[in-house]
N, C-alpha and C. Protein backbone atom coordinates (compact mmCIF):
# COMPACT_ATOMS: atom_id res chain seq x y z
N MET A 1 0.82 -1.19 0.00
CA MET A 1 0.00 0.00 0.00
C MET A 1 0.86 1.25 0.00
N PHE A 2 1.91 1.26 0.80
CA PHE A 2 2.76 2.44 0.91
C PHE A 2 3.98 2.35 0.02
N GLY A 3 4.08 1.32 -0.79
CA GLY A 3 5.23 1.20 -1.69
C GLY A 3 6.46 0.76 -0.93
N SER A 4 7.50 1.58 -0.97
CA SER A 4 8.77 1.19 -0.35
C SER A 4 8.97 1.80 1.03
N LEU A 5 7.90 2.20 1.71
CA LEU A 5 8.03 2.73 3.06
C LEU A 5 8.25 1.57 4.03
N GLY A 6 9.30 1.67 4.80
CA GLY A 6 9.59 0.65 5.80
C GLY A 6 9.36 1.20 7.19
N ILE A 7 9.79 0.44 8.18
CA ILE A 7 9.63 0.83 9.58
C ILE A 7 10.39 2.14 9.88
N PRO A 8 11.64 2.30 9.45
CA PRO A 8 12.35 3.55 9.77
C PRO A 8 11.65 4.79 9.18
N GLU A 9 11.16 4.68 7.95
CA GLU A 9 10.48 5.82 7.34
C GLU A 9 9.19 6.18 8.08
N LEU A 10 8.42 5.13 8.46
CA LEU A 10 7.19 5.38 9.21
C LEU A 10 7.47 6.01 10.57
N LEU A 11 8.54 5.59 11.23
CA LEU A 11 8.90 6.20 12.51
C LEU A 11 9.27 7.67 12.35
N VAL A 12 9.98 8.01 11.29
CA VAL A 12 10.34 9.42 11.04
C VAL A 12 9.07 10.23 10.80
N ILE A 13 8.15 9.71 10.00
CA ILE A 13 6.89 10.41 9.73
C ILE A 13 6.11 10.60 11.03
N PHE A 14 6.07 9.58 11.89
CA PHE A 14 5.36 9.67 13.16
C PHE A 14 5.99 10.72 14.07
N VAL A 15 7.31 10.76 14.16
CA VAL A 15 8.00 11.73 15.01
C VAL A 15 7.75 13.15 14.50
N VAL A 16 7.82 13.37 13.20
CA VAL A 16 7.57 14.70 12.64
C VAL A 16 6.13 15.12 12.91
N ALA A 17 5.18 14.21 12.72
CA ALA A 17 3.78 14.53 13.00
C ALA A 17 3.58 14.83 14.48
N LEU A 18 4.26 14.11 15.36
CA LEU A 18 4.17 14.34 16.79
C LEU A 18 4.71 15.72 17.15
N LEU A 19 5.83 16.12 16.54
CA LEU A 19 6.40 17.44 16.80
C LEU A 19 5.53 18.56 16.24
N VAL A 20 4.96 18.36 15.06
CA VAL A 20 4.18 19.41 14.42
C VAL A 20 2.82 19.59 15.11
N PHE A 21 2.10 18.49 15.36
CA PHE A 21 0.74 18.59 15.88
C PHE A 21 0.64 18.45 17.39
N GLY A 22 1.59 17.83 18.02
CA GLY A 22 1.54 17.65 19.47
C GLY A 22 0.84 16.36 19.85
N PRO A 23 1.12 15.91 21.07
CA PRO A 23 0.56 14.62 21.51
C PRO A 23 -0.95 14.65 21.74
N LYS A 24 -1.54 15.82 21.99
CA LYS A 24 -2.98 15.88 22.25
C LYS A 24 -3.80 15.83 20.97
N ARG A 25 -3.30 16.42 19.90
CA ARG A 25 -4.07 16.47 18.65
C ARG A 25 -3.80 15.27 17.75
N LEU A 26 -2.73 14.53 17.98
CA LEU A 26 -2.37 13.42 17.10
C LEU A 26 -3.45 12.32 17.06
N PRO A 27 -4.05 11.89 18.17
CA PRO A 27 -5.12 10.89 18.07
C PRO A 27 -6.34 11.40 17.31
N GLU A 28 -6.68 12.68 17.52
CA GLU A 28 -7.80 13.28 16.81
C GLU A 28 -7.54 13.30 15.30
N ILE A 29 -6.35 13.64 14.92
CA ILE A 29 -5.98 13.67 13.50
C ILE A 29 -6.01 12.26 12.93
N GLY A 30 -5.54 11.28 13.70
CA GLY A 30 -5.57 9.89 13.25
C GLY A 30 -6.99 9.39 13.02
N ARG A 31 -7.91 9.72 13.95
CA ARG A 31 -9.31 9.31 13.79
C ARG A 31 -9.92 9.97 12.56
N THR A 32 -9.67 11.26 12.40
CA THR A 32 -10.22 11.98 11.25
C THR A 32 -9.69 11.41 9.95
N LEU A 33 -8.42 11.13 9.90
CA LEU A 33 -7.81 10.54 8.71
C LEU A 33 -8.39 9.16 8.43
N GLY A 34 -8.59 8.36 9.48
CA GLY A 34 -9.17 7.03 9.31
C GLY A 34 -10.60 7.10 8.78
N LYS A 35 -11.41 8.02 9.31
CA LYS A 35 -12.78 8.19 8.83
C LYS A 35 -12.79 8.65 7.38
N ALA A 36 -11.90 9.58 7.04
CA ALA A 36 -11.85 10.09 5.67
C ALA A 36 -11.47 8.97 4.70
N LEU A 37 -10.50 8.15 5.07
CA LEU A 37 -10.11 7.04 4.21
C LEU A 37 -11.23 6.02 4.08
N GLY A 38 -11.97 5.77 5.16
CA GLY A 38 -13.11 4.85 5.10
C GLY A 38 -14.21 5.36 4.18
N GLU A 39 -14.53 6.65 4.27
CA GLU A 39 -15.54 7.25 3.40
C GLU A 39 -15.09 7.22 1.94
N PHE A 40 -13.81 7.47 1.71
CA PHE A 40 -13.28 7.44 0.35
C PHE A 40 -13.38 6.04 -0.22
N LYS A 41 -13.03 5.03 0.57
CA LYS A 41 -13.13 3.64 0.10
C LYS A 41 -14.58 3.27 -0.20
N LYS A 42 -15.50 3.70 0.67
CA LYS A 42 -16.92 3.42 0.46
C LYS A 42 -17.42 4.07 -0.82
N ALA A 43 -17.03 5.31 -1.06
CA ALA A 43 -17.46 6.02 -2.27
C ALA A 43 -16.89 5.38 -3.53
N THR A 44 -15.62 4.97 -3.49
CA THR A 44 -15.03 4.34 -4.68
C THR A 44 -15.66 2.97 -4.94
N ASP A 45 -15.98 2.23 -3.89
CA ASP A 45 -16.66 0.93 -4.09
C ASP A 45 -18.05 1.14 -4.69
N ASP A 46 -18.77 2.14 -4.20
CA ASP A 46 -20.10 2.44 -4.74
C ASP A 46 -20.01 2.85 -6.20
N PHE A 47 -19.02 3.67 -6.52
CA PHE A 47 -18.82 4.11 -7.91
C PHE A 47 -18.48 2.92 -8.80
N LYS A 48 -17.62 2.03 -8.31
CA LYS A 48 -17.24 0.85 -9.08
C LYS A 48 -18.44 -0.06 -9.33
N ASN A 49 -19.28 -0.26 -8.31
CA ASN A 49 -20.47 -1.09 -8.47
C ASN A 49 -21.45 -0.48 -9.46
N THR A 50 -21.58 0.85 -9.45
CA THR A 50 -22.47 1.52 -10.40
C THR A 50 -21.98 1.33 -11.82
N ILE A 51 -20.69 1.48 -12.04
CA ILE A 51 -20.11 1.29 -13.38
C ILE A 51 -20.32 -0.14 -13.85
N GLU A 52 -20.06 -1.11 -12.99
CA GLU A 52 -20.23 -2.52 -13.35
C GLU A 52 -21.69 -2.82 -13.71
N ARG A 53 -22.63 -2.25 -12.95
CA ARG A 53 -24.05 -2.46 -13.22
C ARG A 53 -24.44 -1.87 -14.57
N GLU A 54 -23.93 -0.68 -14.88
CA GLU A 54 -24.23 -0.04 -16.17
C GLU A 54 -23.65 -0.83 -17.33
N VAL A 55 -22.46 -1.39 -17.15
CA VAL A 55 -21.85 -2.21 -18.20
C VAL A 55 -22.70 -3.46 -18.44
N GLN A 56 -23.20 -4.07 -17.37
CA GLN A 56 -24.04 -5.26 -17.52
C GLN A 56 -25.34 -4.92 -18.25
N VAL A 57 -25.92 -3.77 -17.95
CA VAL A 57 -27.15 -3.36 -18.63
C VAL A 57 -26.89 -3.16 -20.12
N GLU A 58 -25.78 -2.51 -20.44
CA GLU A 58 -25.44 -2.29 -21.85
C GLU A 58 -25.18 -3.61 -22.57
N GLU A 59 -24.53 -4.56 -21.89
CA GLU A 59 -24.29 -5.87 -22.50
C GLU A 59 -25.60 -6.59 -22.77
N MET A 60 -26.54 -6.51 -21.83
CA MET A 60 -27.83 -7.16 -22.03
C MET A 60 -28.58 -6.52 -23.19
N LYS A 61 -28.52 -5.20 -23.30
CA LYS A 61 -29.16 -4.53 -24.43
C LYS A 61 -28.54 -4.98 -25.74
N HIS A 62 -27.22 -5.08 -25.75
CA HIS A 62 -26.52 -5.50 -26.95
C HIS A 62 -26.89 -6.94 -27.32
N LEU A 63 -26.93 -7.83 -26.32
CA LEU A 63 -27.27 -9.22 -26.59
C LEU A 63 -28.71 -9.37 -27.08
N THR A 64 -29.65 -8.65 -26.48
CA THR A 64 -31.03 -8.77 -26.91
C THR A 64 -31.25 -8.18 -28.28
N SER A 65 -30.53 -7.12 -28.62
CA SER A 65 -30.70 -6.54 -29.95
C SER A 65 -30.00 -7.40 -31.00
N ALA A 66 -28.91 -8.06 -30.65
CA ALA A 66 -28.19 -8.91 -31.60
C ALA A 66 -28.98 -10.18 -31.90
N ALA A 67 -29.71 -10.69 -30.92
CA ALA A 67 -30.45 -11.93 -31.11
C ALA A 67 -31.90 -11.66 -31.50
N ASN A 68 -32.28 -10.42 -31.66
CA ASN A 68 -33.65 -10.03 -31.97
C ASN A 68 -34.65 -10.59 -30.97
N ILE A 69 -34.27 -10.55 -29.72
CA ILE A 69 -35.14 -11.01 -28.64
C ILE A 69 -35.78 -9.78 -28.00
N THR A 70 -37.08 -9.83 -27.87
CA THR A 70 -37.77 -8.73 -27.22
C THR A 70 -37.78 -9.01 -25.72
N PRO A 71 -37.32 -8.07 -24.91
CA PRO A 71 -37.33 -8.30 -23.46
C PRO A 71 -38.75 -8.56 -22.96
N ALA A 72 -38.86 -9.36 -21.93
CA ALA A 72 -40.16 -9.76 -21.40
C ALA A 72 -40.98 -8.57 -20.94
N ALA A 73 -40.34 -7.53 -20.49
CA ALA A 73 -41.06 -6.35 -20.03
C ALA A 73 -41.82 -5.68 -21.17
N GLU A 74 -41.35 -5.83 -22.39
CA GLU A 74 -42.03 -5.22 -23.53
C GLU A 74 -43.10 -6.14 -24.10
N VAL A 75 -43.04 -7.44 -23.82
CA VAL A 75 -43.98 -8.40 -24.37
C VAL A 75 -45.27 -8.40 -23.57
N VAL A 76 -45.17 -8.42 -22.26
CA VAL A 76 -46.33 -8.54 -21.39
C VAL A 76 -46.86 -7.14 -21.11
N SER A 77 -48.15 -7.00 -21.30
CA SER A 77 -48.79 -5.72 -21.04
C SER A 77 -49.95 -5.95 -20.08
N ARG A 78 -50.17 -5.04 -19.18
CA ARG A 78 -51.28 -5.18 -18.24
C ARG A 78 -52.60 -4.79 -18.90
N ASP A 79 -52.53 -4.09 -20.04
CA ASP A 79 -53.75 -3.67 -20.72
C ASP A 79 -54.42 -4.83 -21.44
N GLU A 80 -53.64 -5.77 -21.94
CA GLU A 80 -54.18 -6.89 -22.70
C GLU A 80 -53.78 -8.18 -22.03
N PRO A 81 -54.72 -9.09 -21.81
CA PRO A 81 -54.36 -10.38 -21.22
C PRO A 81 -53.48 -11.18 -22.18
N VAL A 82 -52.58 -11.95 -21.62
CA VAL A 82 -51.69 -12.79 -22.43
C VAL A 82 -52.49 -13.97 -22.96
N ASN A 83 -52.31 -14.32 -24.26
CA ASN A 83 -52.99 -15.43 -24.92
C ASN A 83 -54.51 -15.33 -24.81
N ALA A 84 -55.02 -14.15 -24.98
CA ALA A 84 -56.47 -13.95 -24.87
C ALA A 84 -57.15 -14.42 -26.14
N VAL A 85 -58.19 -15.21 -25.98
CA VAL A 85 -58.99 -15.69 -27.10
C VAL A 85 -60.35 -15.01 -26.98
N PRO A 86 -60.80 -14.33 -28.06
CA PRO A 86 -62.09 -13.66 -27.95
C PRO A 86 -63.21 -14.68 -27.77
N VAL A 87 -64.10 -14.39 -26.87
CA VAL A 87 -65.22 -15.28 -26.57
C VAL A 87 -66.48 -14.64 -27.13
N GLU A 88 -67.21 -15.44 -27.92
CA GLU A 88 -68.48 -14.96 -28.46
C GLU A 88 -69.55 -15.21 -27.43
N ARG A 89 -70.33 -14.20 -27.21
CA ARG A 89 -71.39 -14.34 -26.20
C ARG A 89 -72.71 -14.52 -26.91
N THR A 90 -73.44 -15.46 -26.48
CA THR A 90 -74.79 -15.66 -27.00
C THR A 90 -75.75 -15.39 -25.86
N GLU A 91 -76.45 -14.34 -25.98
CA GLU A 91 -77.37 -13.96 -24.92
C GLU A 91 -78.76 -14.45 -25.27
N THR A 92 -79.42 -14.94 -24.28
CA THR A 92 -80.81 -15.37 -24.47
C THR A 92 -81.69 -14.19 -24.12
N PRO A 93 -82.69 -13.97 -24.93
CA PRO A 93 -83.60 -12.85 -24.62
C PRO A 93 -84.37 -13.10 -23.35
N HIS A 94 -84.49 -12.05 -22.58
CA HIS A 94 -85.23 -12.16 -21.32
C HIS A 94 -86.71 -12.02 -21.59
N ALA A 95 -87.49 -12.84 -20.98
CA ALA A 95 -88.94 -12.84 -21.22
C ALA A 95 -89.67 -11.94 -20.30
């Protein structure tokens, strides 16, 4: 994650941060940095999932158009019953 940073480099960074910010503010800065990194990771994961979902939708559109398949959502309509056969009614006159 940090590339070629080893223990000595991390200790130098910690000492400099301790001198610059002080021992009282260092835990607060660490918590804030941890929360920021967590939010960033969450946002990038959400963005990645959105992109993957959009790619899948485009692939499905491409596959259905290439195979001349009409998606089921376009075939079934609530206005017309599926496989409806017209029924002839014969009414008897009322006396």
